[in-house]
Amino acid sequence: VENFIGFVDGKENKMEKSKFLDMVGSPWTLLFDGACSKFENGAGIVLLSPSLEDFSFSFKLNFECTNNIAEYEAFILGLIIAWKYGVKDIVAKGDLEMVVKQIRKL
């Protein structure tokens, strides 16, 4: 995954893993959005803790894609980040209805 994406700001937000793990509870909310244009593609992710503290991430997608693919990439990146920091109970909310409906079937 890392070969195809890059953090826009070059770092993982201001998130400290120890602080993040202290807040692991249920449920967290994953907000995601992907976008593509003729010139650039990207993904935005916000993780909301149970206490509504937010952790925002943005990525540049370094490959050509459609809007649907950008949405899926944003969702997958959000899940990877959540998993990396120990979040196990998560509710996903995205901008592309098709993605959200398919996720709910899982």
PDB file of N, CA and C in Angstrom:
ATOM      1  N   VAL A   1       0.825  -1.188   0.000  1.00  0.00           N
ATOM      2  CA  VAL A   1       0.000   0.000   0.000  1.00  0.00           C
ATOM      3  C   VAL A   1       0.867   1.248   0.000  1.00  0.00           C
ATOM      4  N   GLU A   2       1.932   1.256   0.778  1.00  0.00           N
ATOM      5  CA  GLU A   2       2.745   2.456   0.908  1.00  0.00           C
ATOM      6  C   GLU A   2       3.386   2.890  -0.403  1.00  0.00           C
ATOM      7  N   ASN A   3       3.563   1.972  -1.348  1.00  0.00           N
ATOM      8  CA  ASN A   3       4.155   2.344  -2.628  1.00  0.00           C
ATOM      9  C   ASN A   3       3.218   3.184  -3.478  1.00  0.00           C
ATOM     10  N   PHE A   4       1.936   3.137  -3.172  1.00  0.00           N
ATOM     11  CA  PHE A   4       0.957   3.801  -4.012  1.00  0.00           C
ATOM     12  C   PHE A   4       0.312   5.015  -3.378  1.00  0.00           C
ATOM     13  N   ILE A   5       0.616   5.288  -2.132  1.00  0.00           N
ATOM     14  CA  ILE A   5       0.011   6.420  -1.450  1.00  0.00           C
ATOM     15  C   ILE A   5       1.077   7.223  -0.740  1.00  0.00           C
ATOM     16  N   GLY A   6       0.710   8.398  -0.299  1.00  0.00           N
ATOM     17  CA  GLY A   6       1.609   9.198   0.509  1.00  0.00           C
ATOM     18  C   GLY A   6       0.809  10.125   1.384  1.00  0.00           C
ATOM     19  N   PHE A   7       1.247  10.310   2.632  1.00  0.00           N
ATOM     20  CA  PHE A   7       0.596  11.286   3.480  1.00  0.00           C
ATOM     21  C   PHE A   7       0.834  12.652   2.867  1.00  0.00           C
ATOM     22  N   VAL A   8      -0.205  13.450   2.783  1.00  0.00           N
ATOM     23  CA  VAL A   8      -0.071  14.775   2.188  1.00  0.00           C
ATOM     24  C   VAL A   8       0.892  15.631   2.989  1.00  0.00           C
ATOM     25  N   ASP A   9       0.798  15.576   4.305  1.00  0.00           N
ATOM     26  CA  ASP A   9       1.679  16.399   5.125  1.00  0.00           C
ATOM     27  C   ASP A   9       2.944  15.669   5.551  1.00  0.00           C
ATOM     28  N   GLY A  10       3.124  14.421   5.096  1.00  0.00           N
ATOM     29  CA  GLY A  10       4.350  13.688   5.367  1.00  0.00           C
ATOM     30  C   GLY A  10       4.461  13.102   6.761  1.00  0.00           C
ATOM     31  N   LYS A  11       3.394  13.157   7.536  1.00  0.00           N
ATOM     32  CA  LYS A  11       3.432  12.582   8.876  1.00  0.00           C
ATOM     33  C   LYS A  11       2.044  12.081   9.236  1.00  0.00           C
ATOM     34  N   GLU A  12       1.968  11.295  10.274  1.00  0.00           N
ATOM     35  CA  GLU A  12       0.701  10.717  10.696  1.00  0.00           C
ATOM     36  C   GLU A  12       0.008  11.623  11.697  1.00  0.00           C
ATOM     37  N   ASN A  13      -0.476  12.770  11.229  1.00  0.00           N
ATOM     38  CA  ASN A  13      -1.240  13.677  12.065  1.00  0.00           C
ATOM     39  C   ASN A  13      -0.436  14.007  13.315  1.00  0.00           C
ATOM     40  N   LYS A  14      -1.121  14.261  14.412  1.00  0.00           N
ATOM     41  CA  LYS A  14      -0.462  14.525  15.692  1.00  0.00           C
ATOM     42  C   LYS A  14      -0.738  13.378  16.649  1.00  0.00           C
ATOM     43  N   MET A  15      -1.106  12.256  16.091  1.00  0.00           N
ATOM     44  CA  MET A  15      -1.533  11.124  16.897  1.00  0.00           C
ATOM     45  C   MET A  15      -0.349  10.425  17.547  1.00  0.00           C
ATOM     46  N   GLU A  16      -0.430  10.260  18.851  1.00  0.00           N
ATOM     47  CA  GLU A  16       0.544   9.463  19.578  1.00  0.00           C
ATOM     48  C   GLU A  16      -0.119   8.133  19.888  1.00  0.00           C
ATOM     49  N   LYS A  17       0.565   7.061  19.566  1.00  0.00           N
ATOM     50  CA  LYS A  17      -0.049   5.740  19.723  1.00  0.00           C
ATOM     51  C   LYS A  17      -0.480   5.482  21.163  1.00  0.00           C
ATOM     52  N   SER A  18       0.319   5.862  22.139  1.00  0.00           N
ATOM     53  CA  SER A  18      -0.045   5.600  23.531  1.00  0.00           C
ATOM     54  C   SER A  18      -1.317   6.350  23.914  1.00  0.00           C
ATOM     55  N   LYS A  19      -1.434   7.594  23.475  1.00  0.00           N
ATOM     56  CA  LYS A  19      -2.640   8.377  23.763  1.00  0.00           C
ATOM     57  C   LYS A  19      -3.843   7.755  23.065  1.00  0.00           C
ATOM     58  N   PHE A  20      -3.633   7.327  21.841  1.00  0.00           N
ATOM     59  CA  PHE A  20      -4.705   6.736  21.051  1.00  0.00           C
ATOM     60  C   PHE A  20      -5.202   5.457  21.703  1.00  0.00           C
ATOM     61  N   LEU A  21      -4.306   4.618  22.154  1.00  0.00           N
ATOM     62  CA  LEU A  21      -4.693   3.351  22.777  1.00  0.00           C
ATOM     63  C   LEU A  21      -5.476   3.567  24.062  1.00  0.00           C
ATOM     64  N   ASP A  22      -5.192   4.658  24.772  1.00  0.00           N
ATOM     65  CA  ASP A  22      -5.948   4.964  25.984  1.00  0.00           C
ATOM     66  C   ASP A  22      -7.416   5.230  25.679  1.00  0.00           C
ATOM     67  N   MET A  23      -7.711   5.641  24.441  1.00  0.00           N
ATOM     68  CA  MET A  23      -9.078   5.973  24.065  1.00  0.00           C
ATOM     69  C   MET A  23      -9.786   4.840  23.345  1.00  0.00           C
ATOM     70  N   VAL A  24      -9.114   3.717  23.128  1.00  0.00           N
ATOM     71  CA  VAL A  24      -9.747   2.620  22.411  1.00  0.00           C
ATOM     72  C   VAL A  24     -10.917   2.115  23.242  1.00  0.00           C
ATOM     73  N   GLY A  25     -12.061   2.235  22.676  1.00  0.00           N
ATOM     74  CA  GLY A  25     -13.309   1.801  23.284  1.00  0.00           C
ATOM     75  C   GLY A  25     -14.292   1.597  22.159  1.00  0.00           C
ATOM     76  N   SER A  26     -15.537   1.521  22.476  1.00  0.00           N
ATOM     77  CA  SER A  26     -16.463   1.286  21.384  1.00  0.00           C
ATOM     78  C   SER A  26     -17.609   2.265  21.448  1.00  0.00           C
ATOM     79  N   PRO A  27     -18.203   2.568  20.344  1.00  0.00           N
ATOM     80  CA  PRO A  27     -17.642   2.395  18.999  1.00  0.00           C
ATOM     81  C   PRO A  27     -16.923   3.650  18.534  1.00  0.00           C
ATOM     82  N   TRP A  28     -15.990   3.467  17.653  1.00  0.00           N
ATOM     83  CA  TRP A  28     -15.337   4.561  16.945  1.00  0.00           C
ATOM     84  C   TRP A  28     -16.098   4.786  15.644  1.00  0.00           C
ATOM     85  N   THR A  29     -15.939   5.962  15.044  1.00  0.00           N
ATOM     86  CA  THR A  29     -16.564   6.256  13.755  1.00  0.00           C
ATOM     87  C   THR A  29     -15.476   6.553  12.737  1.00  0.00           C
ATOM     88  N   LEU A  30     -15.589   5.917  11.588  1.00  0.00           N
ATOM     89  CA  LEU A  30     -14.674   6.148  10.468  1.00  0.00           C
ATOM     90  C   LEU A  30     -15.432   6.910   9.394  1.00  0.00           C
ATOM     91  N   LEU A  31     -14.993   8.130   9.121  1.00  0.00           N
ATOM     92  CA  LEU A  31     -15.537   8.929   8.027  1.00  0.00           C
ATOM     93  C   LEU A  31     -14.506   8.907   6.915  1.00  0.00           C
ATOM     94  N   PHE A  32     -14.934   8.637   5.699  1.00  0.00           N
ATOM     95  CA  PHE A  32     -13.975   8.547   4.602  1.00  0.00           C
ATOM     96  C   PHE A  32     -14.540   9.178   3.343  1.00  0.00           C
ATOM     97  N   ASP A  33     -13.622   9.672   2.509  1.00  0.00           N
ATOM     98  CA  ASP A  33     -14.015  10.249   1.230  1.00  0.00           C
ATOM     99  C   ASP A  33     -12.837  10.138   0.275  1.00  0.00           C
ATOM    100  N   GLY A  34     -13.123   9.741  -0.933  1.00  0.00           N
ATOM    101  CA  GLY A  34     -12.104   9.671  -1.968  1.00  0.00           C
ATOM    102  C   GLY A  34     -12.476  10.616  -3.096  1.00  0.00           C
ATOM    103  N   ALA A  35     -11.489  11.089  -3.801  1.00  0.00           N
ATOM    104  CA  ALA A  35     -11.742  12.000  -4.915  1.00  0.00           C
ATOM    105  C   ALA A  35     -10.694  11.793  -5.996  1.00  0.00           C
ATOM    106  N   CYS A  36     -11.115  11.977  -7.223  1.00  0.00           N
ATOM    107  CA  CYS A  36     -10.151  11.913  -8.313  1.00  0.00           C
ATOM    108  C   CYS A  36     -10.469  13.006  -9.318  1.00  0.00           C
ATOM    109  N   SER A  37      -9.449  13.436  -9.991  1.00  0.00           N
ATOM    110  CA  SER A  37      -9.588  14.446 -11.037  1.00  0.00           C
ATOM    111  C   SER A  37      -8.609  14.106 -12.151  1.00  0.00           C
ATOM    112  N   LYS A  38      -8.599  14.926 -13.129  1.00  0.00           N
ATOM    113  CA  LYS A  38      -7.691  14.731 -14.258  1.00  0.00           C
ATOM    114  C   LYS A  38      -6.229  14.825 -13.817  1.00  0.00           C
ATOM    115  N   PHE A  39      -5.973  15.561 -12.739  1.00  0.00           N
ATOM    116  CA  PHE A  39      -4.602  15.849 -12.336  1.00  0.00           C
ATOM    117  C   PHE A  39      -4.139  15.126 -11.071  1.00  0.00           C
ATOM    118  N   GLU A  40      -5.024  14.953 -10.100  1.00  0.00           N
ATOM    119  CA  GLU A  40      -4.630  14.326  -8.831  1.00  0.00           C
ATOM    120  C   GLU A  40      -5.771  13.495  -8.264  1.00  0.00           C
ATOM    121  N   ASN A  41      -5.397  12.523  -7.439  1.00  0.00           N
ATOM    122  CA  ASN A  41      -6.362  11.677  -6.747  1.00  0.00           C
ATOM    123  C   ASN A  41      -6.012  11.671  -5.267  1.00  0.00           C
ATOM    124  N   GLY A  42      -7.030  11.569  -4.419  1.00  0.00           N
ATOM    125  CA  GLY A  42      -6.737  11.596  -3.000  1.00  0.00           C
ATOM    126  C   GLY A  42      -7.795  10.926  -2.158  1.00  0.00           C
ATOM    127  N   ALA A  43      -7.476  10.797  -0.877  1.00  0.00           N
ATOM    128  CA  ALA A  43      -8.379  10.183   0.088  1.00  0.00           C
ATOM    129  C   ALA A  43      -8.282  10.953   1.399  1.00  0.00           C
ATOM    130  N   GLY A  44      -9.424  11.136   2.023  1.00  0.00           N
ATOM    131  CA  GLY A  44      -9.478  11.781   3.325  1.00  0.00           C
ATOM    132  C   GLY A  44     -10.142  10.866   4.330  1.00  0.00           C
ATOM    133  N   ILE A  45      -9.594  10.822   5.522  1.00  0.00           N
ATOM    134  CA  ILE A  45     -10.102   9.943   6.565  1.00  0.00           C
ATOM    135  C   ILE A  45     -10.168  10.729   7.867  1.00  0.00           C
ATOM    136  N   VAL A  46     -11.257  10.545   8.593  1.00  0.00           N
ATOM    137  CA  VAL A  46     -11.373  11.084   9.944  1.00  0.00           C
ATOM    138  C   VAL A  46     -11.825   9.942  10.837  1.00  0.00           C
ATOM    139  N   LEU A  47     -11.075   9.703  11.900  1.00  0.00           N
ATOM    140  CA  LEU A  47     -11.477   8.741  12.931  1.00  0.00           C
ATOM    141  C   LEU A  47     -11.969   9.536  14.129  1.00  0.00           C
ATOM    142  N   LEU A  48     -13.196   9.247  14.558  1.00  0.00           N
ATOM    143  CA  LEU A  48     -13.766   9.898  15.730  1.00  0.00           C
ATOM    144  C   LEU A  48     -13.767   8.908  16.885  1.00  0.00           C
ATOM    145  N   SER A  49     -13.162   9.314  17.990  1.00  0.00           N
ATOM    146  CA  SER A  49     -13.129   8.455  19.172  1.00  0.00           C
ATOM    147  C   SER A  49     -14.513   8.431  19.814  1.00  0.00           C
ATOM    148  N   PRO A  50     -14.744   7.509  20.751  1.00  0.00           N
ATOM    149  CA  PRO A  50     -16.025   7.493  21.459  1.00  0.00           C
ATOM    150  C   PRO A  50     -16.326   8.820  22.162  1.00  0.00           C
ATOM    151  N   SER A  51     -15.281   9.560  22.537  1.00  0.00           N
ATOM    152  CA  SER A  51     -15.477  10.869  23.174  1.00  0.00           C
ATOM    153  C   SER A  51     -15.495  12.003  22.150  1.00  0.00           C
ATOM    154  N   LEU A  52     -15.563  11.647  20.860  1.00  0.00           N
ATOM    155  CA  LEU A  52     -15.654  12.572  19.721  1.00  0.00           C
ATOM    156  C   LEU A  52     -14.378  13.360  19.454  1.00  0.00           C
ATOM    157  N   GLU A  53     -13.246  12.891  19.944  1.00  0.00           N
ATOM    158  CA  GLU A  53     -11.970  13.495  19.547  1.00  0.00           C
ATOM    159  C   GLU A  53     -11.660  12.997  18.142  1.00  0.00           C
ATOM    160  N   ASP A  54     -11.250  13.912  17.270  1.00  0.00           N
ATOM    161  CA  ASP A  54     -11.043  13.499  15.880  1.00  0.00           C
ATOM    162  C   ASP A  54      -9.571  13.439  15.509  1.00  0.00           C
ATOM    163  N   PHE A  55      -9.274  12.476  14.631  1.00  0.00           N
ATOM    164  CA  PHE A  55      -7.941  12.274  14.082  1.00  0.00           C
ATOM    165  C   PHE A  55      -8.096  12.267  12.570  1.00  0.00           C
ATOM    166  N   SER A  56      -7.515  13.257  11.910  1.00  0.00           N
ATOM    167  CA  SER A  56      -7.696  13.425  10.465  1.00  0.00           C
ATOM    168  C   SER A  56      -6.445  13.030   9.697  1.00  0.00           C
ATOM    169  N   PHE A  57      -6.665  12.415   8.540  1.00  0.00           N
ATOM    170  CA  PHE A  57      -5.579  11.981   7.670  1.00  0.00           C
ATOM    171  C   PHE A  57      -5.939  12.325   6.236  1.00  0.00           C
ATOM    172  N   SER A  58      -4.951  12.673   5.457  1.00  0.00           N
ATOM    173  CA  SER A  58      -5.174  12.873   4.024  1.00  0.00           C
ATOM    174  C   SER A  58      -4.045  12.195   3.260  1.00  0.00           C
ATOM    175  N   PHE A  59      -4.406  11.637   2.132  1.00  0.00           N
ATOM    176  CA  PHE A  59      -3.466  10.878   1.320  1.00  0.00           C
ATOM    177  C   PHE A  59      -3.564  11.302  -0.132  1.00  0.00           C
ATOM    178  N   LYS A  60      -2.451  11.294  -0.795  1.00  0.00           N
ATOM    179  CA  LYS A  60      -2.427  11.433  -2.244  1.00  0.00           C
ATOM    180  C   LYS A  60      -2.348  10.020  -2.809  1.00  0.00           C
ATOM    181  N   LEU A  61      -3.247   9.688  -3.716  1.00  0.00           N
ATOM    182  CA  LEU A  61      -3.225   8.380  -4.370  1.00  0.00           C
ATOM    183  C   LEU A  61      -2.365   8.506  -5.617  1.00  0.00           C
ATOM    184  N   ASN A  62      -1.267   7.800  -5.647  1.00  0.00           N
ATOM    185  CA  ASN A  62      -0.289   7.932  -6.733  1.00  0.00           C
ATOM    186  C   ASN A  62      -0.556   6.959  -7.873  1.00  0.00           C
ATOM    187  N   PHE A  63      -1.809   6.892  -8.306  1.00  0.00           N
ATOM    188  CA  PHE A  63      -2.181   6.050  -9.440  1.00  0.00           C
ATOM    189  C   PHE A  63      -3.483   6.587 -10.023  1.00  0.00           C
ATOM    190  N   GLU A  64      -3.726   6.269 -11.274  1.00  0.00           N
ATOM    191  CA  GLU A  64      -4.970   6.687 -11.914  1.00  0.00           C
ATOM    192  C   GLU A  64      -6.111   5.845 -11.377  1.00  0.00           C
ATOM    193  N   CYS A  65      -7.263   6.481 -11.155  1.00  0.00           N
ATOM    194  CA  CYS A  65      -8.408   5.730 -10.647  1.00  0.00           C
ATOM    195  C   CYS A  65      -9.710   6.462 -10.943  1.00  0.00           C
ATOM    196  N   THR A  66     -10.794   5.757 -10.730  1.00  0.00           N
ATOM    197  CA  THR A  66     -12.124   6.346 -10.854  1.00  0.00           C
ATOM    198  C   THR A  66     -12.560   6.850  -9.481  1.00  0.00           C
ATOM    199  N   ASN A  67     -13.672   7.568  -9.447  1.00  0.00           N
ATOM    200  CA  ASN A  67     -14.204   8.022  -8.161  1.00  0.00           C
ATOM    201  C   ASN A  67     -14.525   6.845  -7.249  1.00  0.00           C
ATOM    202  N   ASN A  68     -15.102   5.784  -7.810  1.00  0.00           N
ATOM    203  CA  ASN A  68     -15.435   4.612  -6.992  1.00  0.00           C
ATOM    204  C   ASN A  68     -14.187   3.996  -6.374  1.00  0.00           C
ATOM    205  N   ILE A  69     -13.141   3.865  -7.157  1.00  0.00           N
ATOM    206  CA  ILE A  69     -11.894   3.293  -6.634  1.00  0.00           C
ATOM    207  C   ILE A  69     -11.313   4.191  -5.546  1.00  0.00           C
ATOM    208  N   ALA A  70     -11.360   5.496  -5.742  1.00  0.00           N
ATOM    209  CA  ALA A  70     -10.859   6.425  -4.723  1.00  0.00           C
ATOM    210  C   ALA A  70     -11.643   6.274  -3.421  1.00  0.00           C
ATOM    211  N   GLU A  71     -12.955   6.055  -3.525  1.00  0.00           N
ATOM    212  CA  GLU A  71     -13.774   5.839  -2.327  1.00  0.00           C
ATOM    213  C   GLU A  71     -13.355   4.560  -1.606  1.00  0.00           C
ATOM    214  N   TYR A  72     -13.192   3.482  -2.363  1.00  0.00           N
ATOM    215  CA  TYR A  72     -12.751   2.222  -1.757  1.00  0.00           C
ATOM    216  C   TYR A  72     -11.380   2.374  -1.112  1.00  0.00           C
ATOM    217  N   GLU A  73     -10.474   3.051  -1.785  1.00  0.00           N
ATOM    218  CA  GLU A  73      -9.136   3.263  -1.224  1.00  0.00           C
ATOM    219  C   GLU A  73      -9.218   4.038   0.088  1.00  0.00           C
ATOM    220  N   ALA A  74     -10.059   5.070   0.121  1.00  0.00           N
ATOM    221  CA  ALA A  74     -10.216   5.854   1.348  1.00  0.00           C
ATOM    222  C   ALA A  74     -10.730   4.968   2.478  1.00  0.00           C
ATOM    223  N   PHE A  75     -11.713   4.129   2.177  1.00  0.00           N
ATOM    224  CA  PHE A  75     -12.261   3.221   3.186  1.00  0.00           C
ATOM    225  C   PHE A  75     -11.196   2.247   3.686  1.00  0.00           C
ATOM    226  N   ILE A  76     -10.475   1.638   2.761  1.00  0.00           N
ATOM    227  CA  ILE A  76      -9.442   0.663   3.134  1.00  0.00           C
ATOM    228  C   ILE A  76      -8.340   1.328   3.956  1.00  0.00           C
ATOM    229  N   LEU A  77      -7.908   2.509   3.542  1.00  0.00           N
ATOM    230  CA  LEU A  77      -6.880   3.223   4.309  1.00  0.00           C
ATOM    231  C   LEU A  77      -7.374   3.539   5.717  1.00  0.00           C
ATOM    232  N   GLY A  78      -8.633   3.935   5.830  1.00  0.00           N
ATOM    233  CA  GLY A  78      -9.204   4.206   7.149  1.00  0.00           C
ATOM    234  C   GLY A  78      -9.204   2.976   8.035  1.00  0.00           C
ATOM    235  N   LEU A  79      -9.559   1.830   7.456  1.00  0.00           N
ATOM    236  CA  LEU A  79      -9.540   0.580   8.228  1.00  0.00           C
ATOM    237  C   LEU A  79      -8.125   0.208   8.655  1.00  0.00           C
ATOM    238  N   ILE A  80      -7.166   0.413   7.763  1.00  0.00           N
ATOM    239  CA  ILE A  80      -5.768   0.106   8.093  1.00  0.00           C
ATOM    240  C   ILE A  80      -5.290   0.973   9.258  1.00  0.00           C
ATOM    241  N   ILE A  81      -5.598   2.255   9.207  1.00  0.00           N
ATOM    242  CA  ILE A  81      -5.192   3.159  10.289  1.00  0.00           C
ATOM    243  C   ILE A  81      -5.854   2.744  11.600  1.00  0.00           C
ATOM    244  N   ALA A  82      -7.152   2.474  11.549  1.00  0.00           N
ATOM    245  CA  ALA A  82      -7.868   2.063  12.762  1.00  0.00           C
ATOM    246  C   ALA A  82      -7.261   0.783  13.336  1.00  0.00           C
ATOM    247  N   TRP A  83      -7.014  -0.186  12.483  1.00  0.00           N
ATOM    248  CA  TRP A  83      -6.430  -1.457  12.921  1.00  0.00           C
ATOM    249  C   TRP A  83      -5.047  -1.238  13.523  1.00  0.00           C
ATOM    250  N   LYS A  84      -4.251  -0.393  12.859  1.00  0.00           N
ATOM    251  CA  LYS A  84      -2.887  -0.121  13.316  1.00  0.00           C
ATOM    252  C   LYS A  84      -2.867   0.416  14.749  1.00  0.00           C
ATOM    253  N   TYR A  85      -3.895   1.169  15.106  1.00  0.00           N
ATOM    254  CA  TYR A  85      -3.945   1.762  16.434  1.00  0.00           C
ATOM    255  C   TYR A  85      -4.861   1.020  17.404  1.00  0.00           C
ATOM    256  N   GLY A  86      -5.299  -0.186  17.031  1.00  0.00           N
ATOM    257  CA  GLY A  86      -6.020  -1.036  17.968  1.00  0.00           C
ATOM    258  C   GLY A  86      -7.524  -0.864  18.033  1.00  0.00           C
ATOM    259  N   VAL A  87      -8.102  -0.107  17.123  1.00  0.00           N
ATOM    260  CA  VAL A  87      -9.557   0.066  17.114  1.00  0.00           C
ATOM    261  C   VAL A  87     -10.191  -1.194  16.546  1.00  0.00           C
ATOM    262  N   LYS A  88     -11.126  -1.772  17.302  1.00  0.00           N
ATOM    263  CA  LYS A  88     -11.765  -3.011  16.856  1.00  0.00           C
ATOM    264  C   LYS A  88     -13.255  -2.844  16.605  1.00  0.00           C
ATOM    265  N   ASP A  89     -13.882  -1.885  17.242  1.00  0.00           N
ATOM    266  CA  ASP A  89     -15.315  -1.648  17.061  1.00  0.00           C
ATOM    267  C   ASP A  89     -15.469  -0.327  16.320  1.00  0.00           C
ATOM    268  N   ILE A  90     -15.932  -0.401  15.080  1.00  0.00           N
ATOM    269  CA  ILE A  90     -15.946   0.790  14.236  1.00  0.00           C
ATOM    270  C   ILE A  90     -17.218   0.845  13.401  1.00  0.00           C
ATOM    271  N   VAL A  91     -17.722   2.048  13.227  1.00  0.00           N
ATOM    272  CA  VAL A  91     -18.863   2.312  12.356  1.00  0.00           C
ATOM    273  C   VAL A  91     -18.332   3.157  11.207  1.00  0.00           C
ATOM    274  N   ALA A  92     -18.539   2.697   9.977  1.00  0.00           N
ATOM    275  CA  ALA A  92     -18.029   3.416   8.801  1.00  0.00           C
ATOM    276  C   ALA A  92     -19.133   4.251   8.175  1.00  0.00           C
ATOM    277  N   LYS A  93     -18.791   5.492   7.849  1.00  0.00           N
ATOM    278  CA  LYS A  93     -19.722   6.390   7.165  1.00  0.00           C
ATOM    279  C   LYS A  93     -18.975   7.025   6.009  1.00  0.00           C
ATOM    280  N   GLY A  94     -19.469   6.756   4.812  1.00  0.00           N
ATOM    281  CA  GLY A  94     -18.795   7.287   3.637  1.00  0.00           C
ATOM    282  C   GLY A  94     -19.730   8.050   2.741  1.00  0.00           C
ATOM    283  N   ASP A  95     -19.138   8.654   1.755  1.00  0.00           N
ATOM    284  CA  ASP A  95     -19.856   9.514   0.856  1.00  0.00           C
ATOM    285  C   ASP A  95     -20.437   8.729  -0.319  1.00  0.00           C
ATOM    286  N   LEU A  96     -19.936   7.567  -0.571  1.00  0.00           N
ATOM    287  CA  LEU A  96     -20.417   6.776  -1.697  1.00  0.00           C
ATOM    288  C   LEU A  96     -21.354   5.690  -1.173  1.00  0.00           C
ATOM    289  N   GLU A  97     -22.620   5.842  -1.466  1.00  0.00           N
ATOM    290  CA  GLU A  97     -23.641   4.937  -0.936  1.00  0.00           C
ATOM    291  C   GLU A  97     -23.362   3.476  -1.277  1.00  0.00           C
ATOM    292  N   MET A  98     -22.870   3.216  -2.471  1.00  0.00           N
ATOM    293  CA  MET A  98     -22.591   1.847  -2.890  1.00  0.00           C
ATOM    294  C   MET A  98     -21.576   1.176  -1.960  1.00  0.00           C
ATOM    295  N   VAL A  99     -20.519   1.879  -1.621  1.00  0.00           N
ATOM    296  CA  VAL A  99     -19.489   1.325  -0.741  1.00  0.00           C
ATOM    297  C   VAL A  99     -20.090   1.007   0.620  1.00  0.00           C
ATOM    298  N   VAL A 100     -20.834   1.951   1.175  1.00  0.00           N
ATOM    299  CA  VAL A 100     -21.413   1.766   2.502  1.00  0.00           C
ATOM    300  C   VAL A 100     -22.374   0.584   2.507  1.00  0.00           C
ATOM    301  N   LYS A 101     -23.208   0.453   1.489  1.00  0.00           N
ATOM    302  CA  LYS A 101     -24.151  -0.672   1.422  1.00  0.00           C
ATOM    303  C   LYS A 101     -23.416  -2.002   1.324  1.00  0.00           C
ATOM    304  N   GLN A 102     -22.347  -2.052   0.549  1.00  0.00           N
ATOM    305  CA  GLN A 102     -21.584  -3.293   0.428  1.00  0.00           C
ATOM    306  C   GLN A 102     -20.899  -3.640   1.742  1.00  0.00           C
ATOM    307  N   ILE A 103     -20.416  -2.651   2.451  1.00  0.00           N
ATOM    308  CA  ILE A 103     -19.752  -2.878   3.736  1.00  0.00           C
ATOM    309  C   ILE A 103     -20.749  -3.434   4.741  1.00  0.00           C
ATOM    310  N   ARG A 104     -21.951  -2.905   4.752  1.00  0.00           N
ATOM    311  CA  ARG A 104     -22.971  -3.347   5.712  1.00  0.00           C
ATOM    312  C   ARG A 104     -23.351  -4.802   5.499  1.00  0.00           C
ATOM    313  N   LYS A 105     -23.159  -5.327   4.304  1.00  0.00           N
ATOM    314  CA  LYS A 105     -23.481  -6.721   4.016  1.00  0.00           C
ATOM    315  C   LYS A 105     -22.435  -7.673   4.582  1.00  0.00           C
ATOM    316  N   LEU A 106     -21.254  -7.164   4.914  1.00  0.00           N
ATOM    317  CA  LEU A 106     -20.165  -8.017   5.409  1.00  0.00           C
ATOM    318  C   LEU A 106     -20.441  -8.577   6.775  1.00  0.00           C
TER     319      LEU A 106
END
